[in-house]
N, C-alpha and C. Protein backbone atom coordinates (compact mmCIF):
# COMPACT_ATOMS: atom_id res chain seq x y z
N MET A 1 -34.19 -13.62 22.10
CA MET A 1 -34.37 -13.13 23.14
C MET A 1 -35.47 -13.78 23.88
N ALA A 2 -36.38 -14.97 23.44
CA ALA A 2 -37.22 -16.39 24.16
C ALA A 2 -36.79 -16.92 24.75
N ILE A 3 -34.47 -17.54 25.01
CA ILE A 3 -34.59 -17.79 26.02
C ILE A 3 -34.13 -16.94 27.19
N ARG A 4 -33.93 -15.21 27.06
CA ARG A 4 -33.78 -15.16 28.07
C ARG A 4 -34.66 -14.50 28.99
N ALA A 5 -35.98 -14.47 28.53
CA ALA A 5 -37.00 -14.47 29.01
C ALA A 5 -37.62 -15.55 29.77
N TRP A 6 -37.16 -16.99 29.23
CA TRP A 6 -37.61 -18.37 29.48
C TRP A 6 -37.01 -18.16 31.15
N LEU A 7 -35.55 -18.03 30.74
CA LEU A 7 -34.80 -18.13 32.14
C LEU A 7 -35.38 -17.16 32.91
N GLU A 8 -36.03 -16.20 33.01
CA GLU A 8 -35.82 -14.86 34.00
C GLU A 8 -37.26 -15.32 34.49
N LEU A 9 -38.09 -15.56 33.80
CA LEU A 9 -40.04 -16.24 33.64
C LEU A 9 -39.70 -17.21 34.68
N ASN A 10 -39.06 -18.06 34.84
CA ASN A 10 -38.93 -19.55 35.43
C ASN A 10 -37.50 -19.47 36.48
N ALA A 11 -37.11 -18.33 36.59
CA ALA A 11 -36.04 -17.99 37.79
C ALA A 11 -34.69 -18.74 37.82
N ILE A 12 -34.54 -19.12 36.58
CA ILE A 12 -33.19 -19.90 36.01
C ILE A 12 -32.08 -19.45 36.42
N THR A 13 -30.81 -19.63 36.97
CA THR A 13 -29.51 -18.93 36.99
C THR A 13 -28.47 -19.75 36.83
N ASP A 14 -28.51 -21.33 36.97
CA ASP A 14 -27.68 -21.82 36.76
C ASP A 14 -27.84 -22.48 35.27
N TYR A 15 -27.14 -22.26 33.79
CA TYR A 15 -27.37 -22.43 32.75
C TYR A 15 -26.12 -22.83 32.22
N VAL A 16 -26.21 -23.24 30.41
CA VAL A 16 -25.36 -23.23 29.83
C VAL A 16 -26.58 -22.92 28.59
N VAL A 17 -25.85 -22.45 27.55
CA VAL A 17 -26.61 -21.84 26.20
C VAL A 17 -25.38 -22.52 25.75
N LEU A 18 -25.85 -23.67 24.08
CA LEU A 18 -25.11 -23.91 23.17
C LEU A 18 -25.62 -23.52 21.80
N ASP A 19 -25.20 -22.70 20.90
CA ASP A 19 -25.91 -22.57 20.04
C ASP A 19 -24.83 -22.42 19.02
N ASP A 20 -25.37 -21.98 17.61
CA ASP A 20 -24.63 -21.48 16.41
C ASP A 20 -24.90 -20.48 16.19
N GLN A 21 -25.95 -19.41 16.44
CA GLN A 21 -26.57 -18.50 16.04
C GLN A 21 -25.79 -17.33 17.18
N PRO A 22 -25.13 -16.59 16.57
CA PRO A 22 -24.57 -15.41 17.29
C PRO A 22 -25.59 -14.22 17.45
N LYS A 23 -26.08 -14.12 16.05
CA LYS A 23 -27.66 -12.81 16.32
C LYS A 23 -28.42 -13.59 17.51
N PHE A 24 -28.82 -14.20 17.57
CA PHE A 24 -29.65 -14.44 18.09
C PHE A 24 -29.22 -14.04 19.60
N PHE A 25 -28.06 -13.96 19.98
CA PHE A 25 -27.92 -13.26 21.48
C PHE A 25 -27.04 -11.94 21.56
N PRO A 26 -28.05 -11.27 21.47
CA PRO A 26 -27.72 -9.57 21.69
C PRO A 26 -27.21 -9.13 22.68
N GLY A 27 -27.10 -8.29 22.85
CA GLY A 27 -26.86 -7.39 24.42
C GLY A 27 -25.10 -7.54 24.51
N PRO A 28 -23.94 -6.26 25.37
CA PRO A 28 -23.43 -5.90 25.49
C PRO A 28 -22.34 -7.53 25.79
N THR A 29 -20.83 -7.20 25.87
CA THR A 29 -20.13 -7.98 26.04
C THR A 29 -20.40 -8.96 27.45
N GLY A 30 -20.99 -9.81 27.80
CA GLY A 30 -21.36 -10.47 28.98
C GLY A 30 -22.46 -10.63 29.46
N TYR A 31 -23.47 -10.28 28.82
CA TYR A 31 -24.98 -10.43 28.48
C TYR A 31 -25.50 -11.95 28.80
N TRP A 32 -24.11 -12.92 28.16
CA TRP A 32 -24.78 -14.08 27.99
C TRP A 32 -23.09 -14.52 28.88
N PRO A 33 -23.00 -14.85 29.53
CA PRO A 33 -21.90 -15.86 30.08
C PRO A 33 -21.47 -16.86 29.84
N THR A 34 -22.55 -17.49 29.76
CA THR A 34 -22.74 -18.82 29.98
C THR A 34 -22.77 -19.32 28.54
N LEU A 35 -22.88 -18.67 27.91
CA LEU A 35 -23.16 -19.36 26.06
C LEU A 35 -21.82 -19.71 25.77
N ILE A 36 -22.43 -20.63 24.83
CA ILE A 36 -21.23 -21.40 24.54
C ILE A 36 -21.59 -21.43 22.79
N LEU A 37 -20.86 -20.69 21.54
CA LEU A 37 -20.71 -21.16 20.86
C LEU A 37 -20.24 -21.93 19.56
N CYS A 38 -20.84 -22.30 18.27
CA CYS A 38 -20.40 -23.55 17.80
C CYS A 38 -20.76 -23.53 16.72
N GLU A 39 -19.53 -23.80 15.68
CA GLU A 39 -19.98 -23.96 14.28
C GLU A 39 -21.09 -25.47 14.11
N SER A 40 -21.75 -24.62 13.12
CA SER A 40 -22.70 -25.32 12.29
C SER A 40 -22.81 -26.58 12.02
N GLU A 41 -21.67 -27.08 11.27
CA GLU A 41 -21.83 -28.49 11.37
C GLU A 41 -21.08 -29.27 11.59
N THR A 42 -20.24 -29.00 12.62
CA THR A 42 -20.10 -29.76 13.89
C THR A 42 -20.69 -30.03 15.28
N GLY A 43 -20.66 -28.88 15.45
CA GLY A 43 -21.89 -28.76 17.11
C GLY A 43 -21.14 -29.14 18.22
N ILE A 44 -21.68 -30.08 18.46
CA ILE A 44 -21.39 -30.37 20.15
C ILE A 44 -20.11 -31.33 19.64
N SER A 45 -19.55 -31.98 18.28
CA SER A 45 -19.15 -33.27 18.01
C SER A 45 -17.55 -32.41 18.43
N ASP A 46 -17.50 -30.83 17.94
CA ASP A 46 -16.33 -30.54 18.19
C ASP A 46 -15.58 -30.44 19.94
N ILE A 47 -14.34 -30.53 19.65
CA ILE A 47 -13.60 -31.10 21.12
C ILE A 47 -13.64 -29.85 21.56
N SER A 48 -13.59 -28.75 21.53
CA SER A 48 -13.49 -27.06 22.07
C SER A 48 -14.88 -26.81 22.61
N VAL A 49 -16.02 -27.34 22.48
CA VAL A 49 -17.18 -27.12 22.39
C VAL A 49 -17.23 -28.07 23.60
N GLN A 50 -16.96 -29.23 23.76
CA GLN A 50 -16.82 -30.03 24.62
C GLN A 50 -16.32 -30.15 25.87
N GLN A 51 -15.08 -29.23 25.43
CA GLN A 51 -14.15 -28.83 26.26
C GLN A 51 -14.89 -27.92 27.51
N LYS A 52 -15.65 -26.71 26.74
CA LYS A 52 -16.34 -26.29 27.78
C LYS A 52 -16.97 -26.37 28.26
N LEU A 53 -18.26 -27.52 27.80
CA LEU A 53 -18.97 -28.02 28.26
C LEU A 53 -18.43 -28.50 29.53
N ARG A 54 -17.31 -29.16 29.34
CA ARG A 54 -16.59 -29.76 30.59
C ARG A 54 -16.36 -28.96 31.68
N ASP A 55 -15.87 -28.22 31.11
CA ASP A 55 -15.78 -26.88 32.60
C ASP A 55 -16.37 -26.54 32.43
N TRP A 56 -17.84 -26.63 31.98
CA TRP A 56 -19.00 -25.80 32.78
C TRP A 56 -19.51 -26.59 33.93
N MET A 57 -19.52 -28.32 33.72
CA MET A 57 -20.28 -28.99 34.27
C MET A 57 -19.70 -29.36 35.15
N ASN A 58 -18.40 -29.65 35.35
CA ASN A 58 -17.29 -30.12 36.47
C ASN A 58 -17.50 -29.03 37.89
N PRO A 59 -17.54 -28.47 37.95
CA PRO A 59 -18.09 -27.90 39.10
C PRO A 59 -19.61 -28.04 39.74
N HIS A 60 -20.62 -28.53 38.53
CA HIS A 60 -22.10 -28.88 38.59
C HIS A 60 -21.71 -30.08 39.29
N THR A 61 -21.10 -31.14 38.55
CA THR A 61 -21.24 -32.24 38.88
C THR A 61 -20.67 -32.33 40.02
N ALA A 62 -19.37 -31.98 40.56
CA ALA A 62 -18.92 -31.96 41.92
C ALA A 62 -19.80 -32.18 42.94
N SER A 63 -20.79 -30.45 43.11
CA SER A 63 -21.50 -30.44 43.91
C SER A 63 -22.74 -31.29 44.12
N MET A 64 -23.19 -31.95 42.96
CA MET A 64 -23.97 -33.55 42.62
C MET A 64 -23.62 -34.72 43.85
N SER A 65 -21.90 -34.61 43.44
CA SER A 65 -21.53 -35.89 43.65
C SER A 65 -21.85 -35.78 45.13
N THR A 66 -21.18 -34.36 46.16
CA THR A 66 -21.02 -34.31 47.57
C THR A 66 -22.71 -34.29 48.10
N ALA A 67 -23.69 -33.91 47.21
CA ALA A 67 -25.21 -34.45 47.68
C ALA A 67 -25.63 -35.75 47.99
N THR A 68 -25.17 -36.50 46.72
CA THR A 68 -25.57 -37.88 46.78
C THR A 68 -24.85 -38.57 48.18
N GLU A 69 -23.85 -38.34 48.45
CA GLU A 69 -22.82 -39.06 49.29
C GLU A 69 -23.56 -38.68 51.04
N GLY A 70 -24.07 -37.63 50.83
CA GLY A 70 -24.72 -36.47 52.09
C GLY A 70 -25.85 -37.86 52.32
N GLU A 71 -26.62 -37.70 51.05
CA GLU A 71 -28.21 -38.20 51.41
C GLU A 71 -28.03 -39.72 52.31
N LEU A 72 -26.97 -40.82 51.49
CA LEU A 72 -26.46 -41.64 51.38
C LEU A 72 -25.58 -41.90 52.61
N ARG A 73 -25.18 -40.94 53.24
CA ARG A 73 -24.61 -40.78 54.59
C ARG A 73 -26.21 -40.64 55.81
N LEU A 74 -27.31 -40.08 55.40
CA LEU A 74 -28.58 -40.10 56.27
C LEU A 74 -29.54 -40.97 56.11
N ARG A 75 -29.50 -41.97 54.57
CA ARG A 75 -29.39 -42.87 55.07
C ARG A 75 -28.88 -44.51 56.11
N GLY A 76 -27.47 -43.95 56.26
CA GLY A 76 -27.12 -44.76 57.24
C GLY A 76 -25.93 -46.03 55.89
N GLN A 77 -25.88 -44.85 55.11
CA GLN A 77 -25.21 -45.55 54.06
C GLN A 77 -23.57 -45.28 53.59
N GLU A 78 -22.74 -46.00 53.34
CA GLU A 78 -21.34 -45.04 52.94
C GLU A 78 -21.59 -45.10 51.34
N PRO A 79 -20.88 -44.20 50.79
CA PRO A 79 -20.83 -43.79 49.46
C PRO A 79 -20.01 -45.10 48.96
N GLN A 80 -20.06 -44.78 47.48
CA GLN A 80 -18.97 -46.33 47.50
C GLN A 80 -18.01 -45.82 46.24
N ARG A 81 -16.83 -45.75 46.72
CA ARG A 81 -15.64 -45.37 45.85
C ARG A 81 -14.62 -46.17 45.03
N ALA A 82 -14.40 -45.46 43.56
CA ALA A 82 -14.36 -46.43 42.82
C ALA A 82 -12.98 -46.54 43.01
N GLU A 83 -12.22 -47.69 42.85
CA GLU A 83 -10.95 -48.61 42.73
C GLU A 83 -10.00 -48.20 41.68
């Protein structure tokens, strides 16, 4: 419960938790919607865990990219596009 308490104390609403111990995340289904469980032996090396992280990050990195482009335009610069 220390993670949940810290998130609430710091008003963090956008997060993902990666862990190998489901017993540390009590509560009904959906109480930890951003929990990604992994095996202790493989951790983040597991392809399915990597994909779940990518799935979570994609909307976040897309919005950060848009924000960066807007900041560049405010400074009179055009964002560079990869060819």
